[in-house]
Amino acid sequence: MQYWSIEGAQEVLGNKVCVDCLDCRTLERGHTKTFACWVWVWDMAFIPKRHTYWKLPRGAGRVEKMDGFSPPDRRVALPPGAMRFDLLIHVDRIEDWSPRSLRSSHSAQSG
């Protein structure tokens, strides 16, 4: 549910994709198996195919300073009980709004 917003979708899809709005089925939150939104992108290759996130137990990742024992960068290993989730990203519909190229009158194609 932490991704159930425009900001959450933007975090998952990255900075090359502009999230326009959430689909009405997503706004209703009738179920959480699918999340639908409308996005703008210059190239379909910019849309990732998956996103991985970890769900940690409440309070995980907090470090108490211990003189002589804490690592200088304060990195902490994942605690037991961390769960991994892979979000699969599926493009259902594409609307191409790019302008059509003009055909020359000398082209072999008609129309």
C-alpha atoms as a PDB file:
ATOM      1  CA  MET A   1       0.000   0.000   0.000  1.00  0.00           C
ATOM      2  CA  GLN A   2       2.989   2.346   0.360  1.00  0.00           C
ATOM      3  CA  TYR A   3       3.035   2.671  -3.441  1.00  0.00           C
ATOM      4  CA  TRP A   4      -0.731   3.270  -3.756  1.00  0.00           C
ATOM      5  CA  SER A   5      -0.422   6.862  -4.965  1.00  0.00           C
ATOM      6  CA  ILE A   6       0.881   8.887  -7.888  1.00  0.00           C
ATOM      7  CA  GLU A   7       4.101   9.489  -5.947  1.00  0.00           C
ATOM      8  CA  GLY A   8       4.466   5.762  -5.265  1.00  0.00           C
ATOM      9  CA  ALA A   9       3.931   4.899  -8.920  1.00  0.00           C
ATOM     10  CA  GLN A  10       6.504   7.533  -9.867  1.00  0.00           C
ATOM     11  CA  GLU A  11       9.037   5.951  -7.492  1.00  0.00           C
ATOM     12  CA  VAL A  12       8.466   2.511  -9.029  1.00  0.00           C
ATOM     13  CA  LEU A  13       8.524   3.639 -12.673  1.00  0.00           C
ATOM     14  CA  GLY A  14      11.490   6.007 -12.383  1.00  0.00           C
ATOM     15  CA  ASN A  15      12.243   9.535 -13.518  1.00  0.00           C
ATOM     16  CA  LYS A  16      11.939   8.916 -17.283  1.00  0.00           C
ATOM     17  CA  VAL A  17       8.221   8.170 -16.956  1.00  0.00           C
ATOM     18  CA  CYS A  18       5.651  10.838 -16.059  1.00  0.00           C
ATOM     19  CA  VAL A  19       2.717   9.419 -14.083  1.00  0.00           C
ATOM     20  CA  ASP A  20      -0.404  11.306 -15.187  1.00  0.00           C
ATOM     21  CA  CYS A  21      -3.205   9.832 -13.064  1.00  0.00           C
ATOM     22  CA  LEU A  22      -4.450   6.720 -11.319  1.00  0.00           C
ATOM     23  CA  ASP A  23      -7.054   4.602 -13.059  1.00  0.00           C
ATOM     24  CA  CYS A  24     -10.536   4.666 -11.473  1.00  0.00           C
ATOM     25  CA  ARG A  25     -10.256   0.950 -10.578  1.00  0.00           C
ATOM     26  CA  THR A  26      -7.135   1.752  -8.577  1.00  0.00           C
ATOM     27  CA  LEU A  27      -8.760   4.703  -6.806  1.00  0.00           C
ATOM     28  CA  GLU A  28     -11.596   2.439  -5.603  1.00  0.00           C
ATOM     29  CA  ARG A  29      -9.066   0.114  -3.910  1.00  0.00           C
ATOM     30  CA  GLY A  30     -11.479  -2.807  -4.271  1.00  0.00           C
ATOM     31  CA  HIS A  31      -8.506  -5.157  -4.328  1.00  0.00           C
ATOM     32  CA  THR A  32      -4.774  -4.690  -4.186  1.00  0.00           C
ATOM     33  CA  LYS A  33      -3.673  -7.299  -6.708  1.00  0.00           C
ATOM     34  CA  THR A  34      -3.475  -4.787  -9.544  1.00  0.00           C
ATOM     35  CA  PHE A  35      -2.570  -1.123  -9.743  1.00  0.00           C
ATOM     36  CA  ALA A  36      -3.464   0.804 -12.882  1.00  0.00           C
ATOM     37  CA  CYS A  37      -2.271   4.250 -13.900  1.00  0.00           C
ATOM     38  CA  TRP A  38      -1.825   6.416 -16.993  1.00  0.00           C
ATOM     39  CA  VAL A  39       1.698   7.506 -17.861  1.00  0.00           C
ATOM     40  CA  TRP A  40       3.522   9.543 -20.511  1.00  0.00           C
ATOM     41  CA  VAL A  41       6.865   8.356 -21.860  1.00  0.00           C
ATOM     42  CA  TRP A  42       9.035   9.181 -24.886  1.00  0.00           C
ATOM     43  CA  ASP A  43      10.103   5.595 -25.457  1.00  0.00           C
ATOM     44  CA  MET A  44       8.480   2.372 -24.260  1.00  0.00           C
ATOM     45  CA  ALA A  45      11.945   1.061 -23.357  1.00  0.00           C
ATOM     46  CA  PHE A  46      11.983   3.539 -20.429  1.00  0.00           C
ATOM     47  CA  ILE A  47       9.204   1.629 -18.663  1.00  0.00           C
ATOM     48  CA  PRO A  48      10.781  -0.973 -16.366  1.00  0.00           C
ATOM     49  CA  LYS A  49       9.530  -4.559 -16.460  1.00  0.00           C
ATOM     50  CA  ARG A  50       9.752  -5.156 -12.705  1.00  0.00           C
ATOM     51  CA  HIS A  51      10.444  -3.461  -9.401  1.00  0.00           C
ATOM     52  CA  THR A  52      11.672  -5.224  -6.261  1.00  0.00           C
ATOM     53  CA  TYR A  53      11.000  -3.997  -2.751  1.00  0.00           C
ATOM     54  CA  TRP A  54      11.509  -5.405   0.715  1.00  0.00           C
ATOM     55  CA  LYS A  55       9.009  -5.341   3.552  1.00  0.00           C
ATOM     56  CA  LEU A  56      10.775  -5.187   6.893  1.00  0.00           C
ATOM     57  CA  PRO A  57       9.417  -5.797  10.384  1.00  0.00           C
ATOM     58  CA  ARG A  58       8.473  -2.624  12.274  1.00  0.00           C
ATOM     59  CA  GLY A  59      11.539  -0.929  13.732  1.00  0.00           C
ATOM     60  CA  ALA A  60      14.009  -2.822  11.531  1.00  0.00           C
ATOM     61  CA  GLY A  61      17.099  -1.002  10.379  1.00  0.00           C
ATOM     62  CA  ARG A  62      17.564   1.178  13.448  1.00  0.00           C
ATOM     63  CA  VAL A  63      21.069   1.148  14.830  1.00  0.00           C
ATOM     64  CA  GLU A  64      22.117   2.118  18.289  1.00  0.00           C
ATOM     65  CA  LYS A  65      25.577   3.615  18.410  1.00  0.00           C
ATOM     66  CA  MET A  66      28.016   1.295  20.137  1.00  0.00           C
ATOM     67  CA  ASP A  67      31.452   2.787  20.781  1.00  0.00           C
ATOM     68  CA  GLY A  68      34.083   0.688  19.076  1.00  0.00           C
ATOM     69  CA  PHE A  69      31.575  -1.679  17.462  1.00  0.00           C
ATOM     70  CA  SER A  70      29.470   0.335  14.998  1.00  0.00           C
ATOM     71  CA  PRO A  71      30.746   0.410  11.414  1.00  0.00           C
ATOM     72  CA  PRO A  72      31.698   3.921  10.268  1.00  0.00           C
ATOM     73  CA  ASP A  73      29.054   3.964   7.521  1.00  0.00           C
ATOM     74  CA  ARG A  74      26.405   2.476   9.841  1.00  0.00           C
ATOM     75  CA  ARG A  75      25.367  -0.258   7.335  1.00  0.00           C
ATOM     76  CA  VAL A  76      23.123  -2.922   8.783  1.00  0.00           C
ATOM     77  CA  ALA A  77      22.350  -6.354   7.372  1.00  0.00           C
ATOM     78  CA  LEU A  78      18.717  -7.147   6.606  1.00  0.00           C
ATOM     79  CA  PRO A  79      17.037  -8.564   9.691  1.00  0.00           C
ATOM     80  CA  PRO A  80      15.461 -12.006   9.662  1.00  0.00           C
ATOM     81  CA  GLY A  81      11.868 -11.809   8.603  1.00  0.00           C
ATOM     82  CA  ALA A  82      12.424  -9.397   5.696  1.00  0.00           C
ATOM     83  CA  MET A  83      10.107 -10.317   2.826  1.00  0.00           C
ATOM     84  CA  ARG A  84      10.928  -9.687  -0.841  1.00  0.00           C
ATOM     85  CA  PHE A  85       8.231  -8.686  -3.324  1.00  0.00           C
ATOM     86  CA  ASP A  86       8.685  -8.429  -7.084  1.00  0.00           C
ATOM     87  CA  LEU A  87       6.201  -6.105  -8.757  1.00  0.00           C
ATOM     88  CA  LEU A  88       5.659  -7.054 -12.387  1.00  0.00           C
ATOM     89  CA  ILE A  89       4.929  -4.093 -14.642  1.00  0.00           C
ATOM     90  CA  HIS A  90       2.609  -4.733 -17.577  1.00  0.00           C
ATOM     91  CA  VAL A  91       1.711  -2.278 -20.339  1.00  0.00           C
ATOM     92  CA  ASP A  92      -1.905  -2.910 -21.265  1.00  0.00           C
ATOM     93  CA  ARG A  93      -2.634  -0.190 -23.808  1.00  0.00           C
ATOM     94  CA  ILE A  94      -0.539   2.202 -25.871  1.00  0.00           C
ATOM     95  CA  GLU A  95      -1.701   5.430 -27.482  1.00  0.00           C
ATOM     96  CA  ASP A  96       0.845   6.925 -29.857  1.00  0.00           C
ATOM     97  CA  TRP A  97       0.465  10.695 -29.974  1.00  0.00           C
ATOM     98  CA  SER A  98       3.527  11.374 -32.110  1.00  0.00           C
ATOM     99  CA  PRO A  99       2.842  13.399 -35.267  1.00  0.00           C
ATOM    100  CA  ARG A 100       2.643  11.377 -38.442  1.00  0.00           C
ATOM    101  CA  SER A 101       5.360  11.986 -40.985  1.00  0.00           C
ATOM    102  CA  LEU A 102       4.269  13.674 -44.168  1.00  0.00           C
ATOM    103  CA  ARG A 103       4.550  11.558 -47.278  1.00  0.00           C
ATOM    104  CA  SER A 104       6.112  12.999 -50.362  1.00  0.00           C
ATOM    105  CA  SER A 105       4.038  13.275 -53.530  1.00  0.00           C
ATOM    106  CA  HIS A 106       6.751  11.234 -55.254  1.00  0.00           C
ATOM    107  CA  SER A 107       6.294   8.308 -52.893  1.00  0.00           C
ATOM    108  CA  ALA A 108       5.369   4.957 -54.394  1.00  0.00           C
ATOM    109  CA  GLN A 109       2.764   4.548 -51.664  1.00  0.00           C
ATOM    110  CA  SER A 110      -0.645   6.073 -52.157  1.00  0.00           C
ATOM    111  CA  GLY A 111      -2.809   7.685 -49.531  1.00  0.00           C
END
